[in-house]
Structure formats: C-alpha cells, structure tokens
Amino acid sequence: MQRMRGFTLIEVMVAIMIIAIIGAASAVVLTNMIDANRASERRHESLQALQFALLTLDRDVRQMVVRPVRAVPTERRNYYLTNDGALLDSDSGALGFVRAGWTNPDMMLPRSELQPVVYRVRDGVLQRLYVPFVDDSRGEPQIQDLMTGVTEFSARFLFRGDEYERWEIAHSLPDVVIVTLETEEFGDIERWLIVSGAKIEAIP
C-alpha cells in the first residue's frame, strides 16, 4: 500500500500567504470598483443637474417678455432685464427678467401668468428665484437650487449683431442671451439662448 505524503508546515504557510495576498488584492479591486461606481453616479447626478439648469434657463429666456416692473426705479423701468449681480444679491453675476407662459388655467391659482425670475449664485449654488406677482414685492421669493459647484455665472446680450456686457437699450429685448457657467466639475460652459420677445401691455 502506497503511503500518501502530507503537506509540510512551510508549504501550508506559503499557501495561506498566497490566499491572503489574493484576498487582499481582491478587496482592493472591489473597493476601487465601488469607489469608481460612486464617482460615476455622482458625475451622472451632476450632469443631470447641469442639463436641467440649462433647460430651465432656455425655457425662461425663450419666454422673456417686454414688461416693466413697478419695484424697479422709474429711470430703469424701460430696461426689461438686468445682469447686475449686486442688484440681485448674487455672489457672481446674475440674470433677472419677466417671463410669460406660467400656466394658470381659468386663473384658478392665486398668481399671475407672468413670472419674474432671477438667476444668481449663492455659496456655489446656482439658484432660480421667483415671486407670484410681477408688481407685488411683498413676501419672500421662492428659491429653487438648480446645481452646486458653480464658481462663476455671467450673462451677455446679442442684439442685431452687436454684443453687450450690460443691457442698456430701452423698450427692447436682446435677440440672444449668452450665458456662461464656470463649474468645478465640468469647467466653463457657454450657451446661446434665443429670446422670443413677446410683448405684454406696459404698466400705467
């Protein structure tokens, strides 16, 4: 009868070490995969927020209207939009105007179908603010956080082929609003947003 040879202590220890090394390597690979998956999810969420912010901006700008606001000083009422960050309490650039298309079937809701909107940056967050009525500044505005990681926001204007850093043309709207976002994750992003320019009856 042939006698079977067993493993020596050294062989057992070597086998244990190999298994331990393989286990440690597998754990590192698994951890890296989990971290990569989380980073991918975060980037996907950030990309969704960016796309939503740009779509919201585009929708609002397309429905920008010629409509003065009583709360604005008299000498500025005929300039229907502004990108003055200090005026709109922004950390970096801003954009404010009145838009139409805020649907209110049969006027059932206690608000106008016109909506004053402001885009600004506060503490690295791009915000959209709005109030229910154009000429009633009472109460706090509703604030919608659109995306985080925004370090700069700016708006320029294109009118009949000329570009303007500030909007200083009375009784008119620009043809295009050029919005630039500087973000921590995606770098600089520029969008040209077309203005439809519907006219609304001016205030008395």
N, C-alpha and C. Protein backbone atom coordinates (compact mmCIF):
# COMPACT_ATOMS: atom_id res chain seq x y z
N MET A 1 0.84 -1.19 0.00
CA MET A 1 0.00 0.00 0.00
C MET A 1 0.88 1.25 0.00
N GLN A 2 0.59 2.14 -0.96
CA GLN A 2 1.43 3.33 -1.09
C GLN A 2 1.05 4.37 -0.04
N ARG A 3 2.02 4.88 0.60
CA ARG A 3 1.81 5.87 1.66
C ARG A 3 1.74 7.27 1.05
N MET A 4 0.65 8.04 1.38
CA MET A 4 0.48 9.39 0.84
C MET A 4 1.28 10.41 1.65
N ARG A 5 1.92 11.30 0.94
CA ARG A 5 2.74 12.32 1.58
C ARG A 5 1.89 13.54 1.91
N GLY A 6 1.96 14.08 3.10
CA GLY A 6 1.23 15.28 3.51
C GLY A 6 2.00 16.55 3.21
N PHE A 7 1.35 17.69 3.49
CA PHE A 7 1.99 18.99 3.29
C PHE A 7 2.87 19.31 4.48
N THR A 8 3.99 19.93 4.19
CA THR A 8 4.85 20.39 5.27
C THR A 8 4.30 21.70 5.82
N LEU A 9 4.78 22.08 6.97
CA LEU A 9 4.33 23.34 7.59
C LEU A 9 4.66 24.53 6.71
N ILE A 10 5.83 24.48 6.08
CA ILE A 10 6.23 25.59 5.22
C ILE A 10 5.29 25.71 4.03
N GLU A 11 4.92 24.57 3.43
CA GLU A 11 4.00 24.58 2.29
C GLU A 11 2.64 25.14 2.68
N VAL A 12 2.16 24.74 3.87
CA VAL A 12 0.88 25.26 4.35
C VAL A 12 0.94 26.77 4.55
N MET A 13 2.03 27.24 5.14
CA MET A 13 2.18 28.68 5.39
C MET A 13 2.26 29.46 4.08
N VAL A 14 2.99 28.90 3.10
CA VAL A 14 3.08 29.56 1.79
C VAL A 14 1.70 29.65 1.14
N ALA A 15 0.93 28.55 1.23
CA ALA A 15 -0.42 28.54 0.66
C ALA A 15 -1.31 29.58 1.33
N ILE A 16 -1.21 29.67 2.66
CA ILE A 16 -2.00 30.66 3.39
C ILE A 16 -1.63 32.08 2.97
N MET A 17 -0.32 32.32 2.80
CA MET A 17 0.14 33.65 2.38
C MET A 17 -0.39 34.01 0.99
N ILE A 18 -0.35 33.01 0.09
CA ILE A 18 -0.85 33.27 -1.27
C ILE A 18 -2.33 33.60 -1.25
N ILE A 19 -3.09 32.81 -0.47
CA ILE A 19 -4.53 33.06 -0.36
C ILE A 19 -4.79 34.45 0.23
N ALA A 20 -3.99 34.82 1.25
CA ALA A 20 -4.16 36.13 1.88
C ALA A 20 -3.87 37.26 0.90
N ILE A 21 -2.80 37.07 0.08
CA ILE A 21 -2.44 38.09 -0.90
C ILE A 21 -3.55 38.25 -1.94
N ILE A 22 -4.05 37.09 -2.42
CA ILE A 22 -5.14 37.12 -3.40
C ILE A 22 -6.38 37.80 -2.81
N GLY A 23 -6.68 37.47 -1.53
CA GLY A 23 -7.83 38.08 -0.87
C GLY A 23 -7.68 39.59 -0.73
N ALA A 24 -6.46 40.02 -0.33
CA ALA A 24 -6.21 41.46 -0.17
C ALA A 24 -6.32 42.18 -1.51
N ALA A 25 -5.75 41.56 -2.56
CA ALA A 25 -5.82 42.17 -3.89
C ALA A 25 -7.27 42.26 -4.37
N SER A 26 -8.03 41.21 -4.10
CA SER A 26 -9.45 41.22 -4.50
C SER A 26 -10.21 42.31 -3.77
N ALA A 27 -9.88 42.49 -2.47
CA ALA A 27 -10.55 43.53 -1.69
C ALA A 27 -10.23 44.92 -2.24
N VAL A 28 -8.95 45.13 -2.63
CA VAL A 28 -8.56 46.42 -3.20
C VAL A 28 -9.30 46.67 -4.51
N VAL A 29 -9.34 45.63 -5.37
CA VAL A 29 -10.05 45.77 -6.65
C VAL A 29 -11.52 46.08 -6.42
N LEU A 30 -12.15 45.37 -5.46
CA LEU A 30 -13.57 45.59 -5.17
C LEU A 30 -13.80 47.00 -4.64
N THR A 31 -12.91 47.46 -3.74
CA THR A 31 -13.04 48.82 -3.20
C THR A 31 -12.91 49.86 -4.30
N ASN A 32 -11.93 49.65 -5.20
CA ASN A 32 -11.75 50.59 -6.31
C ASN A 32 -12.97 50.61 -7.22
N MET A 33 -13.55 49.43 -7.45
CA MET A 33 -14.75 49.36 -8.29
C MET A 33 -15.92 50.10 -7.65
N ILE A 34 -16.07 49.92 -6.32
CA ILE A 34 -17.15 50.61 -5.60
C ILE A 34 -16.95 52.13 -5.65
N ASP A 35 -15.68 52.57 -5.42
CA ASP A 35 -15.38 54.00 -5.46
C ASP A 35 -15.63 54.57 -6.86
N ALA A 36 -15.21 53.82 -7.88
CA ALA A 36 -15.42 54.28 -9.26
C ALA A 36 -16.90 54.37 -9.59
N ASN A 37 -17.67 53.40 -9.09
CA ASN A 37 -19.11 53.41 -9.34
C ASN A 37 -19.78 54.60 -8.66
N ARG A 38 -19.35 54.88 -7.41
CA ARG A 38 -19.90 56.04 -6.70
C ARG A 38 -19.54 57.34 -7.41
N ALA A 39 -18.28 57.44 -7.86
CA ALA A 39 -17.86 58.65 -8.58
C ALA A 39 -18.65 58.81 -9.86
N SER A 40 -18.90 57.69 -10.55
CA SER A 40 -19.69 57.74 -11.78
C SER A 40 -21.12 58.19 -11.50
N GLU A 41 -21.69 57.70 -10.40
CA GLU A 41 -23.05 58.09 -10.03
C GLU A 41 -23.12 59.58 -9.70
N ARG A 42 -22.09 60.06 -8.95
CA ARG A 42 -22.07 61.48 -8.60
C ARG A 42 -21.95 62.35 -9.86
N ARG A 43 -21.10 61.92 -10.78
CA ARG A 43 -20.93 62.69 -12.02
C ARG A 43 -22.22 62.67 -12.84
N HIS A 44 -22.87 61.51 -12.86
CA HIS A 44 -24.14 61.41 -13.58
C HIS A 44 -25.19 62.34 -12.98
N GLU A 45 -25.25 62.40 -11.64
CA GLU A 45 -26.19 63.29 -10.97
C GLU A 45 -25.85 64.75 -11.27
N SER A 46 -24.54 65.07 -11.26
CA SER A 46 -24.12 66.44 -11.57
C SER A 46 -24.47 66.80 -13.00
N LEU A 47 -24.29 65.85 -13.92
CA LEU A 47 -24.62 66.10 -15.32
C LEU A 47 -26.12 66.32 -15.50
N GLN A 48 -26.92 65.53 -14.79
CA GLN A 48 -28.38 65.71 -14.85
C GLN A 48 -28.77 67.09 -14.33
N ALA A 49 -28.12 67.52 -13.22
CA ALA A 49 -28.42 68.85 -12.65
C ALA A 49 -28.03 69.95 -13.64
N LEU A 50 -26.88 69.79 -14.29
CA LEU A 50 -26.44 70.77 -15.28
C LEU A 50 -27.43 70.85 -16.45
N GLN A 51 -27.83 69.70 -16.96
CA GLN A 51 -28.78 69.68 -18.08
C GLN A 51 -30.11 70.30 -17.69
N PHE A 52 -30.57 70.01 -16.48
CA PHE A 52 -31.83 70.59 -16.02
C PHE A 52 -31.72 72.11 -15.88
N ALA A 53 -30.59 72.58 -15.33
CA ALA A 53 -30.38 74.03 -15.17
C ALA A 53 -30.38 74.73 -16.53
N LEU A 54 -29.70 74.16 -17.51
CA LEU A 54 -29.64 74.77 -18.83
C LEU A 54 -31.00 74.74 -19.54
N LEU A 55 -31.73 73.65 -19.37
CA LEU A 55 -33.07 73.56 -19.96
C LEU A 55 -34.01 74.58 -19.34
N THR A 56 -33.90 74.76 -18.01
CA THR A 56 -34.74 75.73 -17.31
C THR A 56 -34.42 77.15 -17.76
N LEU A 57 -33.12 77.45 -17.86
CA LEU A 57 -32.70 78.75 -18.36
C LEU A 57 -33.22 79.00 -19.77
N ASP A 58 -33.07 78.01 -20.63
CA ASP A 58 -33.52 78.15 -22.02
C ASP A 58 -35.02 78.39 -22.09
N ARG A 59 -35.78 77.64 -21.30
CA ARG A 59 -37.25 77.80 -21.29
C ARG A 59 -37.64 79.20 -20.84
N ASP A 60 -37.00 79.68 -19.77
CA ASP A 60 -37.34 81.01 -19.25
C ASP A 60 -36.97 82.12 -20.23
N VAL A 61 -35.75 82.03 -20.77
CA VAL A 61 -35.28 83.08 -21.68
C VAL A 61 -36.13 83.14 -22.94
N ARG A 62 -36.52 81.99 -23.45
CA ARG A 62 -37.37 81.95 -24.65
C ARG A 62 -38.70 82.68 -24.41
N GLN A 63 -39.16 82.69 -23.18
CA GLN A 63 -40.46 83.29 -22.86
C GLN A 63 -40.32 84.67 -22.20
N MET A 64 -39.12 85.24 -22.28
CA MET A 64 -38.89 86.59 -21.76
C MET A 64 -39.82 87.58 -22.47
N VAL A 65 -40.38 88.52 -21.70
CA VAL A 65 -41.32 89.47 -22.28
C VAL A 65 -40.94 90.91 -21.96
N VAL A 66 -41.46 91.80 -22.81
CA VAL A 66 -41.32 93.23 -22.59
C VAL A 66 -42.34 93.63 -21.52
N ARG A 67 -41.88 93.76 -20.30
CA ARG A 67 -42.79 94.07 -19.19
C ARG A 67 -42.04 94.81 -18.09
N PRO A 68 -42.32 96.11 -17.90
CA PRO A 68 -41.69 96.84 -16.80
C PRO A 68 -42.19 96.37 -15.45
N VAL A 69 -41.41 96.65 -14.42
CA VAL A 69 -41.75 96.23 -13.06
C VAL A 69 -41.78 97.45 -12.16
N ARG A 70 -42.88 97.62 -11.41
CA ARG A 70 -43.04 98.81 -10.57
C ARG A 70 -41.95 98.91 -9.50
N ALA A 71 -41.48 97.76 -9.01
CA ALA A 71 -40.49 97.78 -7.93
C ALA A 71 -39.14 98.33 -8.39
N VAL A 72 -38.93 98.35 -9.70
CA VAL A 72 -37.67 98.86 -10.25
C VAL A 72 -37.73 100.38 -10.26
N PRO A 73 -36.62 101.08 -9.94
CA PRO A 73 -36.61 102.54 -10.00
C PRO A 73 -37.12 103.04 -11.36
N THR A 74 -37.85 104.17 -11.32
CA THR A 74 -38.51 104.69 -12.52
C THR A 74 -37.57 104.81 -13.71
N GLU A 75 -36.34 105.28 -13.46
CA GLU A 75 -35.42 105.50 -14.58
C GLU A 75 -34.94 104.19 -15.21
N ARG A 76 -35.21 103.05 -14.55
CA ARG A 76 -34.77 101.76 -15.09
C ARG A 76 -35.93 100.91 -15.60
N ARG A 77 -37.16 101.39 -15.52
CA ARG A 77 -38.31 100.55 -15.83
C ARG A 77 -38.38 100.13 -17.30
N ASN A 78 -37.81 100.92 -18.16
CA ASN A 78 -37.89 100.59 -19.59
C ASN A 78 -36.73 99.71 -20.06
N TYR A 79 -35.89 99.27 -19.11
CA TYR A 79 -34.86 98.28 -19.41
C TYR A 79 -35.34 96.98 -18.79
N TYR A 80 -35.76 96.05 -19.62
CA TYR A 80 -36.60 94.96 -19.13
C TYR A 80 -35.84 93.77 -18.55
N LEU A 81 -34.54 93.87 -18.49
CA LEU A 81 -33.77 92.80 -17.85
C LEU A 81 -32.47 93.37 -17.32
N THR A 82 -31.83 92.62 -16.43
CA THR A 82 -30.57 93.07 -15.84
C THR A 82 -29.68 91.87 -15.56
N ASN A 83 -28.37 92.11 -15.60
CA ASN A 83 -27.40 91.10 -15.18
C ASN A 83 -26.50 91.65 -14.08
N ASP A 84 -27.03 92.61 -13.34
CA ASP A 84 -26.30 93.24 -12.23
C ASP A 84 -26.32 92.32 -11.01
N GLY A 85 -25.20 91.66 -10.73
CA GLY A 85 -25.13 90.73 -9.61
C GLY A 85 -25.35 91.38 -8.27
N ALA A 86 -24.85 92.62 -8.11
CA ALA A 86 -25.04 93.33 -6.84
C ALA A 86 -26.52 93.65 -6.62
N LEU A 87 -27.20 94.07 -7.68
CA LEU A 87 -28.62 94.41 -7.57
C LEU A 87 -29.45 93.18 -7.20
N LEU A 88 -29.06 92.02 -7.70
CA LEU A 88 -29.83 90.79 -7.49
C LEU A 88 -29.24 89.92 -6.38
N ASP A 89 -28.34 90.51 -5.59
CA ASP A 89 -27.80 89.84 -4.40
C ASP A 89 -27.13 88.51 -4.74
N SER A 90 -26.28 88.55 -5.75
CA SER A 90 -25.58 87.34 -6.19
C SER A 90 -24.10 87.42 -5.84
N ASP A 91 -23.50 86.26 -5.59
CA ASP A 91 -22.06 86.21 -5.33
C ASP A 91 -21.26 86.40 -6.62
N SER A 92 -21.86 86.04 -7.74
CA SER A 92 -21.13 86.10 -9.01
C SER A 92 -22.10 86.17 -10.18
N GLY A 93 -22.35 87.37 -10.67
CA GLY A 93 -23.21 87.52 -11.83
C GLY A 93 -24.66 87.16 -11.54
N ALA A 94 -25.54 87.54 -12.45
CA ALA A 94 -26.97 87.25 -12.25
C ALA A 94 -27.71 87.54 -13.54
N LEU A 95 -28.98 87.18 -13.55
CA LEU A 95 -29.85 87.48 -14.68
C LEU A 95 -31.27 87.57 -14.16
N GLY A 96 -31.93 88.71 -14.41
CA GLY A 96 -33.30 88.90 -13.94
C GLY A 96 -34.19 89.48 -15.02
N PHE A 97 -35.41 88.96 -15.13
CA PHE A 97 -36.35 89.41 -16.16
C PHE A 97 -37.74 88.87 -15.83
N VAL A 98 -38.72 89.22 -16.65
CA VAL A 98 -40.08 88.70 -16.52
C VAL A 98 -40.35 87.76 -17.68
N ARG A 99 -40.95 86.62 -17.39
CA ARG A 99 -41.29 85.66 -18.43
C ARG A 99 -42.79 85.40 -18.46
N ALA A 100 -43.29 85.02 -19.62
CA ALA A 100 -44.69 84.62 -19.76
C ALA A 100 -44.77 83.09 -19.72
N GLY A 101 -45.99 82.59 -19.93
CA GLY A 101 -46.15 81.14 -20.06
C GLY A 101 -46.26 80.38 -18.76
N TRP A 102 -46.47 81.09 -17.64
CA TRP A 102 -46.64 80.40 -16.36
C TRP A 102 -48.11 80.01 -16.26
N THR A 103 -48.43 78.86 -16.76
CA THR A 103 -49.82 78.45 -16.98
C THR A 103 -50.66 78.52 -15.71
N ASN A 104 -51.84 79.15 -15.84
CA ASN A 104 -52.79 79.27 -14.74
C ASN A 104 -54.20 79.13 -15.32
N PRO A 105 -54.65 77.89 -15.56
CA PRO A 105 -55.94 77.67 -16.24
C PRO A 105 -57.11 78.35 -15.52
N ASP A 106 -57.85 79.17 -16.27
CA ASP A 106 -59.02 79.88 -15.74
C ASP A 106 -58.69 80.73 -14.52
N MET A 107 -57.41 81.06 -14.37
CA MET A 107 -56.94 81.88 -13.24
C MET A 107 -57.38 81.28 -11.91
N MET A 108 -57.31 79.98 -11.80
CA MET A 108 -57.73 79.29 -10.58
C MET A 108 -56.72 79.45 -9.45
N LEU A 109 -55.46 79.66 -9.80
CA LEU A 109 -54.42 79.81 -8.78
C LEU A 109 -54.23 81.29 -8.45
N PRO A 110 -53.91 81.59 -7.18
CA PRO A 110 -53.76 82.99 -6.77
C PRO A 110 -52.43 83.59 -7.21
N ARG A 111 -52.22 83.64 -8.52
CA ARG A 111 -50.98 84.21 -9.05
C ARG A 111 -51.20 84.62 -10.50
N SER A 112 -50.22 85.34 -11.02
CA SER A 112 -50.25 85.80 -12.40
C SER A 112 -49.76 84.70 -13.34
N GLU A 113 -49.99 84.92 -14.65
CA GLU A 113 -49.39 84.04 -15.65
C GLU A 113 -48.03 84.57 -16.10
N LEU A 114 -47.68 85.75 -15.59
CA LEU A 114 -46.33 86.29 -15.78
C LEU A 114 -45.51 85.95 -14.55
N GLN A 115 -44.23 85.72 -14.75
CA GLN A 115 -43.39 85.30 -13.62
C GLN A 115 -42.06 86.05 -13.65
N PRO A 116 -41.81 86.89 -12.63
CA PRO A 116 -40.48 87.49 -12.52
C PRO A 116 -39.49 86.42 -12.03
N VAL A 117 -38.39 86.27 -12.73
CA VAL A 117 -37.40 85.26 -12.35
C VAL A 117 -36.03 85.89 -12.23
N VAL A 118 -35.24 85.33 -11.34
CA VAL A 118 -33.86 85.76 -11.14
C VAL A 118 -32.98 84.52 -11.07
N TYR A 119 -31.87 84.56 -11.77
CA TYR A 119 -30.83 83.53 -11.64
C TYR A 119 -29.64 84.18 -10.95
N ARG A 120 -29.13 83.50 -9.94
CA ARG A 120 -27.99 84.04 -9.21
C ARG A 120 -27.18 82.88 -8.63
N VAL A 121 -26.00 83.21 -8.07
CA VAL A 121 -25.15 82.22 -7.41
C VAL A 121 -24.98 82.61 -5.95
N ARG A 122 -25.27 81.68 -5.07
CA ARG A 122 -25.05 81.88 -3.64
C ARG A 122 -24.34 80.66 -3.08
N ASP A 123 -23.16 80.90 -2.48
CA ASP A 123 -22.36 79.83 -1.86
C ASP A 123 -22.13 78.67 -2.82
N GLY A 124 -21.82 78.98 -4.07
CA GLY A 124 -21.51 77.95 -5.05
C GLY A 124 -22.71 77.23 -5.63
N VAL A 125 -23.92 77.72 -5.33
CA VAL A 125 -25.15 77.09 -5.83
C VAL A 125 -25.84 78.03 -6.81
N LEU A 126 -26.13 77.53 -8.00
CA LEU A 126 -26.93 78.30 -8.96
C LEU A 126 -28.38 78.21 -8.55
N GLN A 127 -28.99 79.37 -8.30
CA GLN A 127 -30.37 79.40 -7.81
C GLN A 127 -31.29 80.10 -8.82
N ARG A 128 -32.54 79.66 -8.80
CA ARG A 128 -33.60 80.34 -9.56
C ARG A 128 -34.63 80.84 -8.55
N LEU A 129 -34.91 82.15 -8.58
CA LEU A 129 -35.87 82.75 -7.66
C LEU A 129 -37.07 83.26 -8.45
N TYR A 130 -38.24 83.18 -7.85
CA TYR A 130 -39.42 83.74 -8.49
C TYR A 130 -40.43 84.16 -7.43
N VAL A 131 -41.32 85.06 -7.82
CA VAL A 131 -42.41 85.52 -6.95
C VAL A 131 -43.72 85.39 -7.72
N PRO A 132 -44.88 85.33 -7.01
CA PRO A 132 -46.16 85.08 -7.69
C PRO A 132 -46.63 86.21 -8.59
N PHE A 133 -46.28 87.47 -8.23
CA PHE A 133 -46.80 88.60 -8.99
C PHE A 133 -45.67 89.54 -9.41
N VAL A 134 -45.82 90.12 -10.58
CA VAL A 134 -44.78 90.99 -11.12
C VAL A 134 -44.60 92.25 -10.28
N ASP A 135 -45.71 92.87 -9.87
CA ASP A 135 -45.64 94.18 -9.22
C ASP A 135 -45.90 94.14 -7.72
N ASP A 136 -45.86 92.97 -7.14
CA ASP A 136 -46.06 92.84 -5.69
C ASP A 136 -44.81 92.21 -5.10
N SER A 137 -44.01 93.03 -4.42
CA SER A 137 -42.74 92.55 -3.88
C SER A 137 -42.85 92.07 -2.44
N ARG A 138 -44.08 91.98 -1.94
CA ARG A 138 -44.25 91.51 -0.57
C ARG A 138 -43.95 90.01 -0.47
N GLY A 139 -43.48 89.62 0.71
CA GLY A 139 -43.21 88.20 0.93
C GLY A 139 -41.85 87.78 0.39
N GLU A 140 -41.47 86.58 0.77
CA GLU A 140 -40.18 86.05 0.37
C GLU A 140 -40.30 85.32 -0.98
N PRO A 141 -39.28 85.46 -1.83
CA PRO A 141 -39.32 84.73 -3.10
C PRO A 141 -39.12 83.23 -2.89
N GLN A 142 -39.64 82.45 -3.80
CA GLN A 142 -39.38 81.01 -3.80
C GLN A 142 -38.00 80.78 -4.41
N ILE A 143 -37.21 79.94 -3.75
CA ILE A 143 -35.84 79.69 -4.20
C ILE A 143 -35.71 78.23 -4.62
N GLN A 144 -35.22 78.03 -5.82
CA GLN A 144 -35.00 76.69 -6.36
C GLN A 144 -33.50 76.52 -6.62
N ASP A 145 -32.87 75.59 -5.90
CA ASP A 145 -31.46 75.29 -6.13
C ASP A 145 -31.33 74.40 -7.36
N LEU A 146 -30.61 74.88 -8.37
CA LEU A 146 -30.51 74.15 -9.64
C LEU A 146 -29.30 73.23 -9.69
N MET A 147 -28.14 73.73 -9.26
CA MET A 147 -26.94 72.88 -9.27
C MET A 147 -25.88 73.47 -8.36
N THR A 148 -25.02 72.61 -7.84
CA THR A 148 -23.92 73.02 -6.97
C THR A 148 -22.61 73.07 -7.76
N GLY A 149 -21.57 73.58 -7.09
CA GLY A 149 -20.25 73.62 -7.72
C GLY A 149 -20.11 74.67 -8.80
N VAL A 150 -20.91 75.75 -8.71
CA VAL A 150 -20.84 76.84 -9.70
C VAL A 150 -19.99 77.96 -9.11
N THR A 151 -18.86 78.25 -9.74
CA THR A 151 -17.96 79.29 -9.22
C THR A 151 -18.18 80.65 -9.89
N GLU A 152 -18.68 80.64 -11.13
CA GLU A 152 -18.94 81.90 -11.84
C GLU A 152 -20.20 81.74 -12.69
N PHE A 153 -20.96 82.83 -12.77
CA PHE A 153 -22.13 82.89 -13.66
C PHE A 153 -22.15 84.26 -14.30
N SER A 154 -22.35 84.31 -15.60
CA SER A 154 -22.42 85.61 -16.26
C SER A 154 -23.38 85.54 -17.44
N ALA A 155 -23.90 86.70 -17.80
CA ALA A 155 -24.80 86.80 -18.95
C ALA A 155 -24.42 88.01 -19.79
N ARG A 156 -24.32 87.80 -21.09
CA ARG A 156 -24.10 88.88 -22.05
C ARG A 156 -25.27 88.86 -23.04
N PHE A 157 -25.34 89.89 -23.86
CA PHE A 157 -26.51 90.03 -24.72
C PHE A 157 -26.11 90.33 -26.16
N LEU A 158 -26.83 89.74 -27.09
CA LEU A 158 -26.60 89.96 -28.51
C LEU A 158 -27.85 90.60 -29.10
N PHE A 159 -27.64 91.75 -29.78
CA PHE A 159 -28.77 92.48 -30.37
C PHE A 159 -28.35 93.04 -31.72
N ARG A 160 -29.01 92.55 -32.76
CA ARG A 160 -28.74 93.00 -34.13
C ARG A 160 -27.26 92.90 -34.48
N GLY A 161 -26.66 91.81 -34.04
CA GLY A 161 -25.26 91.52 -34.39
C GLY A 161 -24.23 92.10 -33.45
N ASP A 162 -24.64 92.98 -32.52
CA ASP A 162 -23.71 93.58 -31.57
C ASP A 162 -23.84 92.91 -30.21
N GLU A 163 -22.71 92.80 -29.52
CA GLU A 163 -22.70 92.16 -28.20
C GLU A 163 -22.61 93.23 -27.10
N TYR A 164 -23.36 93.02 -26.02
CA TYR A 164 -23.41 93.98 -24.91
C TYR A 164 -23.12 93.27 -23.60
N GLU A 165 -22.22 93.86 -22.81
CA GLU A 165 -21.95 93.33 -21.48
C GLU A 165 -23.09 93.66 -20.52
N ARG A 166 -23.71 94.81 -20.70
CA ARG A 166 -24.87 95.25 -19.92
C ARG A 166 -26.00 95.60 -20.88
N TRP A 167 -27.24 95.37 -20.44
CA TRP A 167 -28.36 95.71 -21.31
C TRP A 167 -28.79 97.14 -21.04
N GLU A 168 -28.54 98.02 -22.02
CA GLU A 168 -28.83 99.44 -21.87
C GLU A 168 -29.69 99.96 -23.01
N ILE A 169 -30.46 99.10 -23.64
CA ILE A 169 -31.32 99.51 -24.75
C ILE A 169 -32.77 99.50 -24.28
N ALA A 170 -33.36 100.67 -24.17
CA ALA A 170 -34.72 100.79 -23.62
C ALA A 170 -35.76 100.25 -24.59
N HIS A 171 -36.88 99.79 -24.03
CA HIS A 171 -38.05 99.35 -24.79
C HIS A 171 -37.77 98.18 -25.74
N SER A 172 -36.74 97.41 -25.46
CA SER A 172 -36.38 96.30 -26.35
C SER A 172 -35.85 95.13 -25.53
N LEU A 173 -35.83 93.98 -26.18
CA LEU A 173 -35.19 92.79 -25.63
C LEU A 173 -34.05 92.37 -26.54
N PRO A 174 -33.05 91.70 -26.02
CA PRO A 174 -31.97 91.21 -26.88
C PRO A 174 -32.48 90.08 -27.78
N ASP A 175 -31.72 89.78 -28.80
CA ASP A 175 -32.04 88.63 -29.66
C ASP A 175 -31.57 87.32 -29.02
N VAL A 176 -30.44 87.42 -28.33
CA VAL A 176 -29.82 86.23 -27.72
C VAL A 176 -29.24 86.62 -26.36
N VAL A 177 -29.39 85.74 -25.38
CA VAL A 177 -28.71 85.87 -24.10
C VAL A 177 -27.60 84.82 -24.08
N ILE A 178 -26.36 85.27 -23.89
CA ILE A 178 -25.22 84.36 -23.85
C ILE A 178 -24.88 84.10 -22.38
N VAL A 179 -25.13 82.90 -21.93
CA VAL A 179 -24.90 82.53 -20.53
C VAL A 179 -23.62 81.71 -20.42
N THR A 180 -22.77 82.08 -19.47
CA THR A 180 -21.54 81.33 -19.21
C THR A 180 -21.54 80.85 -17.76
N LEU A 181 -21.30 79.57 -17.60
CA LEU A 181 -21.18 78.96 -16.27
C LEU A 181 -19.76 78.43 -16.10
N GLU A 182 -19.13 78.76 -14.99
CA GLU A 182 -17.86 78.14 -14.63
C GLU A 182 -18.12 77.17 -13.49
N THR A 183 -17.89 75.88 -13.73
CA THR A 183 -18.22 74.85 -12.76
C THR A 183 -16.98 74.09 -12.32
N GLU A 184 -17.03 73.58 -11.10
CA GLU A 184 -15.91 72.81 -10.57
C GLU A 184 -15.72 71.50 -11.32
N GLU A 185 -16.79 70.89 -11.77
CA GLU A 185 -16.72 69.55 -12.35
C GLU A 185 -16.61 69.55 -13.87
N PHE A 186 -17.25 70.50 -14.53
CA PHE A 186 -17.31 70.47 -16.00
C PHE A 186 -16.56 71.63 -16.66
N GLY A 187 -15.92 72.48 -15.86
CA GLY A 187 -15.21 73.61 -16.43
C GLY A 187 -16.15 74.70 -16.92
N ASP A 188 -15.73 75.42 -17.96
CA ASP A 188 -16.53 76.53 -18.50
C ASP A 188 -17.55 76.01 -19.51
N ILE A 189 -18.77 76.48 -19.37
CA ILE A 189 -19.86 76.08 -20.27
C ILE A 189 -20.56 77.34 -20.76
N GLU A 190 -20.72 77.46 -22.06
CA GLU A 190 -21.40 78.63 -22.65
C GLU A 190 -22.59 78.18 -23.48
N ARG A 191 -23.70 78.87 -23.30
CA ARG A 191 -24.90 78.58 -24.08
C ARG A 191 -25.49 79.87 -24.64
N TRP A 192 -25.91 79.82 -25.90
CA TRP A 192 -26.59 80.94 -26.54
C TRP A 192 -28.08 80.64 -26.51
N LEU A 193 -28.84 81.48 -25.83
CA LEU A 193 -30.27 81.25 -25.62
C LEU A 193 -31.07 82.29 -26.39
N ILE A 194 -31.97 81.81 -27.22
CA ILE A 194 -32.75 82.69 -28.10
C ILE A 194 -33.94 83.29 -27.34
N VAL A 195 -34.18 84.58 -27.56
CA VAL A 195 -35.30 85.29 -26.94
C VAL A 195 -36.43 85.41 -27.96
N SER A 196 -37.63 84.99 -27.56
CA SER A 196 -38.78 85.11 -28.47
C SER A 196 -39.31 86.54 -28.51
N GLY A 197 -39.39 87.19 -27.31
CA GLY A 197 -39.72 88.61 -27.28
C GLY A 197 -41.18 88.96 -27.38
N ALA A 198 -42.06 88.16 -26.80
CA ALA A 198 -43.49 88.50 -26.79
C ALA A 198 -43.70 89.80 -26.03
N LYS A 199 -44.62 90.63 -26.49
CA LYS A 199 -44.87 91.92 -25.85
C LYS A 199 -46.10 91.86 -24.96
N ILE A 200 -45.98 92.41 -23.78
CA ILE A 200 -47.08 92.47 -22.81
C ILE A 200 -47.39 93.94 -22.57
N GLU A 201 -48.63 94.24 -22.35
CA GLU A 201 -49.04 95.63 -22.13
C GLU A 201 -48.29 96.24 -20.96
N ALA A 202 -47.75 97.42 -21.16
CA ALA A 202 -46.96 98.10 -20.13
C ALA A 202 -47.84 98.55 -18.98
N ILE A 203 -47.22 98.73 -17.82
CA ILE A 203 -47.95 99.23 -16.66
C ILE A 203 -48.27 100.71 -16.86
N PRO A 204 -49.34 101.21 -16.27
CA PRO A 204 -49.69 102.63 -16.43
C PRO A 204 -48.71 103.51 -15.67
